[in-house]
């Protein structure tokens, strides 16, 4: 497929930030996959690198990512498939971005639970749990936010490989991605506020205990 050696090196090593690079007449796109593990309150990340050229698309996957159903769904859309490999690229990107939604929903549930604990009469210190969730939120932000610009470029027709009929679909993906980024940024701010409230309550309880002891 005459792939550029630098892109191939990135695909093999993985651990790349989401990005879109142009090598001659082909594109190289890096995506981060995400899956929320409710019991552990952690986000499990994977990575997909995609090579797109005239008449082909190659995916290199690191981590658990099921794309077989994406292929089956696209086979039911001959109107899109006629638009070339850009249509297959859209289907994969759309699937990855859709998978961010349940991750955001899982984080939202746990953050609301912590918020309820902090503002209840419970004497438990939630600081460790808050810090842990904040780290997961920051990692999710690093996975989704850098993808905004590449998807916007695909939607605006900066690349001839993306048929004009497919660009509208990328614009829809871009809108979904912006909503996810907005949610994640909201989680980050909320956790900061909850942490401050938790530390304040712990300090107040410690002062009350000292007065009782005195």
C-alpha atoms as a PDB file:
ATOM      1  CA  UNK A   1       0.000   0.000   0.000  1.00  0.00           C
ATOM      2  CA  UNK A   2       3.077   2.261  -0.048  1.00  0.00           C
ATOM      3  CA  UNK A   3       2.410   3.567   3.473  1.00  0.00           C
ATOM      4  CA  UNK A   4       4.796   6.145   4.873  1.00  0.00           C
ATOM      5  CA  UNK A   5       7.365   4.612   7.233  1.00  0.00           C
ATOM      6  CA  UNK A   6       6.732   7.217   9.957  1.00  0.00           C
ATOM      7  CA  UNK A   7       3.002   6.432   9.997  1.00  0.00           C
ATOM      8  CA  UNK A   8       3.720   2.702  10.089  1.00  0.00           C
ATOM      9  CA  UNK A   9       6.101   3.242  13.020  1.00  0.00           C
ATOM     10  CA  UNK A  10       3.400   5.188  14.894  1.00  0.00           C
ATOM     11  CA  UNK A  11       0.849   2.445  14.215  1.00  0.00           C
ATOM     12  CA  UNK A  12       3.115  -0.292  15.551  1.00  0.00           C
ATOM     13  CA  UNK A  13       4.263   1.546  18.685  1.00  0.00           C
ATOM     14  CA  UNK A  14       0.833   3.048  19.512  1.00  0.00           C
ATOM     15  CA  UNK A  15       0.497   5.437  22.490  1.00  0.00           C
ATOM     16  CA  UNK A  16      -0.216   8.328  20.119  1.00  0.00           C
ATOM     17  CA  UNK A  17      -2.427  11.326  20.719  1.00  0.00           C
ATOM     18  CA  UNK A  18      -5.533  11.579  18.506  1.00  0.00           C
ATOM     19  CA  UNK A  19      -4.378  13.232  15.292  1.00  0.00           C
ATOM     20  CA  UNK A  20      -4.803  13.420  11.528  1.00  0.00           C
ATOM     21  CA  UNK A  21      -1.691  13.455   9.351  1.00  0.00           C
ATOM     22  CA  UNK A  22      -1.353  13.654   5.577  1.00  0.00           C
ATOM     23  CA  UNK A  23       1.304  11.586   3.811  1.00  0.00           C
ATOM     24  CA  UNK A  24       1.229  12.270   0.090  1.00  0.00           C
ATOM     25  CA  UNK A  25      -2.163  11.093  -1.161  1.00  0.00           C
ATOM     26  CA  UNK A  26      -3.037   9.101   1.968  1.00  0.00           C
ATOM     27  CA  UNK A  27      -4.287   9.997   5.445  1.00  0.00           C
ATOM     28  CA  UNK A  28      -3.266   8.632   8.843  1.00  0.00           C
ATOM     29  CA  UNK A  29      -5.780   9.032  11.677  1.00  0.00           C
ATOM     30  CA  UNK A  30      -5.328   8.071  15.323  1.00  0.00           C
ATOM     31  CA  UNK A  31      -8.366   7.501  17.561  1.00  0.00           C
ATOM     32  CA  UNK A  32      -8.642   6.676  21.255  1.00  0.00           C
ATOM     33  CA  UNK A  33     -11.282   4.151  22.273  1.00  0.00           C
ATOM     34  CA  UNK A  34     -12.797   4.246  25.752  1.00  0.00           C
ATOM     35  CA  UNK A  35     -14.821   1.875  27.937  1.00  0.00           C
ATOM     36  CA  UNK A  36     -16.028   2.610  31.472  1.00  0.00           C
ATOM     37  CA  UNK A  37     -15.527  -0.085  34.101  1.00  0.00           C
ATOM     38  CA  UNK A  38     -18.263   0.716  36.600  1.00  0.00           C
ATOM     39  CA  UNK A  39     -17.052  -1.481  39.459  1.00  0.00           C
ATOM     40  CA  UNK A  40     -13.508  -0.064  39.409  1.00  0.00           C
ATOM     41  CA  UNK A  41     -14.618   3.486  38.452  1.00  0.00           C
ATOM     42  CA  UNK A  42     -11.912   3.563  35.790  1.00  0.00           C
ATOM     43  CA  UNK A  43     -11.833   4.236  32.066  1.00  0.00           C
ATOM     44  CA  UNK A  44     -10.109   1.600  29.946  1.00  0.00           C
ATOM     45  CA  UNK A  45      -8.509   3.104  26.848  1.00  0.00           C
ATOM     46  CA  UNK A  46      -7.506   1.534  23.566  1.00  0.00           C
ATOM     47  CA  UNK A  47      -6.206   2.920  20.311  1.00  0.00           C
ATOM     48  CA  UNK A  48      -7.011   2.614  16.616  1.00  0.00           C
ATOM     49  CA  UNK A  49      -4.802   3.831  13.807  1.00  0.00           C
ATOM     50  CA  UNK A  50      -6.323   4.151  10.347  1.00  0.00           C
ATOM     51  CA  UNK A  51      -4.613   4.408   6.978  1.00  0.00           C
ATOM     52  CA  UNK A  52      -6.887   5.779   4.249  1.00  0.00           C
ATOM     53  CA  UNK A  53      -5.932   5.894   0.596  1.00  0.00           C
ATOM     54  CA  UNK A  54      -7.493   5.645  -2.829  1.00  0.00           C
ATOM     55  CA  UNK A  55      -9.523   2.439  -2.720  1.00  0.00           C
ATOM     56  CA  UNK A  56      -8.432   1.154   0.703  1.00  0.00           C
ATOM     57  CA  UNK A  57      -8.698   1.635   4.462  1.00  0.00           C
ATOM     58  CA  UNK A  58      -6.514  -0.220   6.971  1.00  0.00           C
ATOM     59  CA  UNK A  59      -7.173  -0.355  10.715  1.00  0.00           C
ATOM     60  CA  UNK A  60      -4.575  -1.229  13.345  1.00  0.00           C
ATOM     61  CA  UNK A  61      -6.140  -1.879  16.726  1.00  0.00           C
ATOM     62  CA  UNK A  62      -4.596  -1.832  20.195  1.00  0.00           C
ATOM     63  CA  UNK A  63      -7.005  -2.867  22.944  1.00  0.00           C
ATOM     64  CA  UNK A  64     -10.558  -4.199  22.778  1.00  0.00           C
ATOM     65  CA  UNK A  65     -12.555  -2.640  19.956  1.00  0.00           C
ATOM     66  CA  UNK A  66     -15.289  -4.465  18.059  1.00  0.00           C
ATOM     67  CA  UNK A  67     -15.665  -3.165  14.505  1.00  0.00           C
ATOM     68  CA  UNK A  68     -17.346  -6.148  12.853  1.00  0.00           C
ATOM     69  CA  UNK A  69     -20.833  -4.717  13.412  1.00  0.00           C
ATOM     70  CA  UNK A  70     -19.654  -1.446  11.874  1.00  0.00           C
ATOM     71  CA  UNK A  71     -18.775  -3.332   8.705  1.00  0.00           C
ATOM     72  CA  UNK A  72     -22.132  -5.117   8.696  1.00  0.00           C
ATOM     73  CA  UNK A  73     -23.973  -1.833   9.112  1.00  0.00           C
ATOM     74  CA  UNK A  74     -22.061  -0.207   6.273  1.00  0.00           C
ATOM     75  CA  UNK A  75     -22.820  -3.140   3.984  1.00  0.00           C
ATOM     76  CA  UNK A  76     -26.464  -2.129   4.340  1.00  0.00           C
ATOM     77  CA  UNK A  77     -25.625   1.347   3.013  1.00  0.00           C
ATOM     78  CA  UNK A  78     -24.491   0.963  -0.612  1.00  0.00           C
ATOM     79  CA  UNK A  79     -25.293   4.648  -1.133  1.00  0.00           C
ATOM     80  CA  UNK A  80     -22.534   5.569   1.309  1.00  0.00           C
ATOM     81  CA  UNK A  81     -20.110   2.870   0.216  1.00  0.00           C
ATOM     82  CA  UNK A  82     -20.171   4.321  -3.287  1.00  0.00           C
ATOM     83  CA  UNK A  83     -18.437   7.370  -1.760  1.00  0.00           C
ATOM     84  CA  UNK A  84     -15.258   5.347  -1.230  1.00  0.00           C
ATOM     85  CA  UNK A  85     -13.043   4.689   1.820  1.00  0.00           C
ATOM     86  CA  UNK A  86     -14.080   8.005   3.390  1.00  0.00           C
ATOM     87  CA  UNK A  87     -17.483   6.448   4.098  1.00  0.00           C
ATOM     88  CA  UNK A  88     -15.874   3.523   5.944  1.00  0.00           C
ATOM     89  CA  UNK A  89     -13.755   6.025   7.858  1.00  0.00           C
ATOM     90  CA  UNK A  90     -16.889   7.912   8.887  1.00  0.00           C
ATOM     91  CA  UNK A  91     -18.528   4.700  10.145  1.00  0.00           C
ATOM     92  CA  UNK A  92     -15.535   3.851  12.353  1.00  0.00           C
ATOM     93  CA  UNK A  93     -15.126   7.376  13.743  1.00  0.00           C
ATOM     94  CA  UNK A  94     -18.872   7.562  14.401  1.00  0.00           C
ATOM     95  CA  UNK A  95     -18.748   4.292  16.338  1.00  0.00           C
ATOM     96  CA  UNK A  96     -15.807   5.411  18.483  1.00  0.00           C
ATOM     97  CA  UNK A  97     -17.443   8.763  19.302  1.00  0.00           C
ATOM     98  CA  UNK A  98     -20.768   7.048  20.106  1.00  0.00           C
ATOM     99  CA  UNK A  99     -18.893   4.801  22.558  1.00  0.00           C
ATOM    100  CA  UNK A 100     -17.810   7.899  24.494  1.00  0.00           C
ATOM    101  CA  UNK A 101     -21.425   8.550  25.553  1.00  0.00           C
ATOM    102  CA  UNK A 102     -21.804   5.572  27.965  1.00  0.00           C
ATOM    103  CA  UNK A 103     -18.382   6.413  29.424  1.00  0.00           C
ATOM    104  CA  UNK A 104     -19.530   9.965  30.149  1.00  0.00           C
ATOM    105  CA  UNK A 105     -22.807   8.617  31.581  1.00  0.00           C
ATOM    106  CA  UNK A 106     -20.932   6.265  33.927  1.00  0.00           C
ATOM    107  CA  UNK A 107     -18.674   9.040  35.181  1.00  0.00           C
ATOM    108  CA  UNK A 108     -21.692  11.296  35.654  1.00  0.00           C
ATOM    109  CA  UNK A 109     -23.433   8.711  37.864  1.00  0.00           C
ATOM    110  CA  UNK A 110     -20.390   8.248  40.080  1.00  0.00           C
ATOM    111  CA  UNK A 111     -19.715  11.989  40.361  1.00  0.00           C
ATOM    112  CA  UNK A 112     -23.326  12.622  41.403  1.00  0.00           C
ATOM    113  CA  UNK A 113     -23.030   9.842  43.974  1.00  0.00           C
ATOM    114  CA  UNK A 114     -19.902  11.440  45.434  1.00  0.00           C
ATOM    115  CA  UNK A 115     -21.568  14.847  45.426  1.00  0.00           C
ATOM    116  CA  UNK A 116     -24.478  13.397  47.411  1.00  0.00           C
ATOM    117  CA  UNK A 117     -22.090  11.835  49.922  1.00  0.00           C
ATOM    118  CA  UNK A 118     -20.135  15.055  50.422  1.00  0.00           C
ATOM    119  CA  UNK A 119     -23.223  17.167  51.066  1.00  0.00           C
ATOM    120  CA  UNK A 120     -24.907  14.579  53.292  1.00  0.00           C
ATOM    121  CA  UNK A 121     -24.261  14.137  57.006  1.00  0.00           C
ATOM    122  CA  UNK A 122     -21.799  11.340  56.333  1.00  0.00           C
ATOM    123  CA  UNK A 123     -18.448  11.724  58.100  1.00  0.00           C
ATOM    124  CA  UNK A 124     -16.550   9.769  55.436  1.00  0.00           C
ATOM    125  CA  UNK A 125     -13.734  11.517  53.586  1.00  0.00           C
ATOM    126  CA  UNK A 126     -14.280  11.198  49.816  1.00  0.00           C
ATOM    127  CA  UNK A 127     -10.996  12.880  48.827  1.00  0.00           C
ATOM    128  CA  UNK A 128      -9.275   9.751  47.521  1.00  0.00           C
ATOM    129  CA  UNK A 129     -12.283   8.751  45.431  1.00  0.00           C
ATOM    130  CA  UNK A 130     -12.604  12.290  44.074  1.00  0.00           C
ATOM    131  CA  UNK A 131      -8.931  12.422  43.087  1.00  0.00           C
ATOM    132  CA  UNK A 132      -9.230   9.034  41.376  1.00  0.00           C
ATOM    133  CA  UNK A 133     -12.262  10.063  39.346  1.00  0.00           C
ATOM    134  CA  UNK A 134     -10.675  13.380  38.468  1.00  0.00           C
ATOM    135  CA  UNK A 135      -7.682  11.530  37.008  1.00  0.00           C
ATOM    136  CA  UNK A 136     -10.026   9.400  34.891  1.00  0.00           C
ATOM    137  CA  UNK A 137     -11.845  12.523  33.691  1.00  0.00           C
ATOM    138  CA  UNK A 138      -8.573  14.216  32.721  1.00  0.00           C
ATOM    139  CA  UNK A 139      -7.445  11.136  30.778  1.00  0.00           C
ATOM    140  CA  UNK A 140     -10.792  11.014  28.975  1.00  0.00           C
ATOM    141  CA  UNK A 141     -10.436  14.685  28.101  1.00  0.00           C
ATOM    142  CA  UNK A 142      -6.985  13.981  26.650  1.00  0.00           C
ATOM    143  CA  UNK A 143      -8.557  11.237  24.522  1.00  0.00           C
ATOM    144  CA  UNK A 144     -11.518  13.170  23.114  1.00  0.00           C
ATOM    145  CA  UNK A 145     -10.563  16.851  22.964  1.00  0.00           C
ATOM    146  CA  UNK A 146      -7.646  16.518  20.462  1.00  0.00           C
ATOM    147  CA  UNK A 147      -9.992  14.693  18.071  1.00  0.00           C
ATOM    148  CA  UNK A 148     -12.193  17.768  17.568  1.00  0.00           C
ATOM    149  CA  UNK A 149      -9.878  19.478  15.068  1.00  0.00           C
ATOM    150  CA  UNK A 150      -9.216  16.389  12.888  1.00  0.00           C
ATOM    151  CA  UNK A 151     -12.943  15.615  12.606  1.00  0.00           C
ATOM    152  CA  UNK A 152     -13.644  19.255  11.785  1.00  0.00           C
ATOM    153  CA  UNK A 153     -11.048  19.087   8.986  1.00  0.00           C
ATOM    154  CA  UNK A 154     -12.717  15.975   7.592  1.00  0.00           C
ATOM    155  CA  UNK A 155     -16.121  17.676   7.734  1.00  0.00           C
ATOM    156  CA  UNK A 156     -14.910  20.831   5.985  1.00  0.00           C
ATOM    157  CA  UNK A 157     -13.551  18.984   2.967  1.00  0.00           C
ATOM    158  CA  UNK A 158      -9.840  19.620   3.474  1.00  0.00           C
ATOM    159  CA  UNK A 159      -9.063  16.213   1.965  1.00  0.00           C
ATOM    160  CA  UNK A 160     -10.067  14.948  -1.469  1.00  0.00           C
ATOM    161  CA  UNK A 161     -10.360  11.378  -0.172  1.00  0.00           C
ATOM    162  CA  UNK A 162     -13.482  12.431   1.746  1.00  0.00           C
ATOM    163  CA  UNK A 163     -16.354  12.553  -0.750  1.00  0.00           C
ATOM    164  CA  UNK A 164     -18.520  15.671  -0.482  1.00  0.00           C
ATOM    165  CA  UNK A 165     -21.597  13.510   0.293  1.00  0.00           C
ATOM    166  CA  UNK A 166     -19.825  12.121   3.382  1.00  0.00           C
ATOM    167  CA  UNK A 167     -18.832  15.491   4.836  1.00  0.00           C
ATOM    168  CA  UNK A 168     -22.292  16.116   6.283  1.00  0.00           C
ATOM    169  CA  UNK A 169     -21.968  12.867   8.260  1.00  0.00           C
ATOM    170  CA  UNK A 170     -18.635  14.022   9.666  1.00  0.00           C
ATOM    171  CA  UNK A 171     -20.278  17.304  10.699  1.00  0.00           C
ATOM    172  CA  UNK A 172     -22.800  15.278  12.701  1.00  0.00           C
ATOM    173  CA  UNK A 173     -19.976  13.338  14.381  1.00  0.00           C
ATOM    174  CA  UNK A 174     -18.237  16.646  15.114  1.00  0.00           C
ATOM    175  CA  UNK A 175     -21.365  17.933  16.896  1.00  0.00           C
ATOM    176  CA  UNK A 176     -21.566  14.767  19.016  1.00  0.00           C
ATOM    177  CA  UNK A 177     -17.887  15.058  19.868  1.00  0.00           C
ATOM    178  CA  UNK A 178     -18.258  18.672  20.987  1.00  0.00           C
ATOM    179  CA  UNK A 179     -21.078  17.645  23.327  1.00  0.00           C
ATOM    180  CA  UNK A 180     -18.892  14.937  24.888  1.00  0.00           C
ATOM    181  CA  UNK A 181     -16.002  17.385  25.340  1.00  0.00           C
ATOM    182  CA  UNK A 182     -18.366  19.863  26.989  1.00  0.00           C
ATOM    183  CA  UNK A 183     -19.617  17.173  29.383  1.00  0.00           C
ATOM    184  CA  UNK A 184     -16.102  16.092  30.311  1.00  0.00           C
ATOM    185  CA  UNK A 185     -15.015  19.687  30.963  1.00  0.00           C
ATOM    186  CA  UNK A 186     -18.090  20.076  33.174  1.00  0.00           C
ATOM    187  CA  UNK A 187     -17.094  16.951  35.119  1.00  0.00           C
ATOM    188  CA  UNK A 188     -13.629  18.402  35.675  1.00  0.00           C
ATOM    189  CA  UNK A 189     -15.006  21.666  37.082  1.00  0.00           C
ATOM    190  CA  UNK A 190     -17.618  19.874  39.205  1.00  0.00           C
ATOM    191  CA  UNK A 191     -15.057  17.527  40.755  1.00  0.00           C
ATOM    192  CA  UNK A 192     -12.868  20.504  41.646  1.00  0.00           C
ATOM    193  CA  UNK A 193     -15.814  22.127  43.458  1.00  0.00           C
ATOM    194  CA  UNK A 194     -16.776  18.877  45.190  1.00  0.00           C
ATOM    195  CA  UNK A 195     -13.181  18.334  46.331  1.00  0.00           C
ATOM    196  CA  UNK A 196     -13.039  21.839  47.805  1.00  0.00           C
ATOM    197  CA  UNK A 197     -16.364  21.254  49.595  1.00  0.00           C
ATOM    198  CA  UNK A 198     -15.146  17.897  50.916  1.00  0.00           C
ATOM    199  CA  UNK A 199     -11.920  19.391  52.281  1.00  0.00           C
ATOM    200  CA  UNK A 200     -13.869  22.219  53.897  1.00  0.00           C
ATOM    201  CA  UNK A 201     -16.233  19.800  55.626  1.00  0.00           C
ATOM    202  CA  UNK A 202     -13.342  17.623  56.825  1.00  0.00           C
ATOM    203  CA  UNK A 203     -11.645  20.713  58.258  1.00  0.00           C
ATOM    204  CA  UNK A 204     -14.850  21.792  60.002  1.00  0.00           C
ATOM    205  CA  UNK A 205     -15.359  18.323  61.507  1.00  0.00           C
ATOM    206  CA  UNK A 206     -11.754  18.254  62.736  1.00  0.00           C
ATOM    207  CA  UNK A 207     -12.193  21.645  64.412  1.00  0.00           C
ATOM    208  CA  UNK A 208     -15.390  20.419  66.095  1.00  0.00           C
ATOM    209  CA  UNK A 209     -13.613  17.287  67.329  1.00  0.00           C
ATOM    210  CA  UNK A 210     -10.763  19.384  68.747  1.00  0.00           C
ATOM    211  CA  UNK A 211     -13.257  21.592  70.615  1.00  0.00           C
ATOM    212  CA  UNK A 212     -14.993  18.535  72.052  1.00  0.00           C
ATOM    213  CA  UNK A 213     -11.687  17.082  73.200  1.00  0.00           C
ATOM    214  CA  UNK A 214     -10.666  20.419  74.745  1.00  0.00           C
END
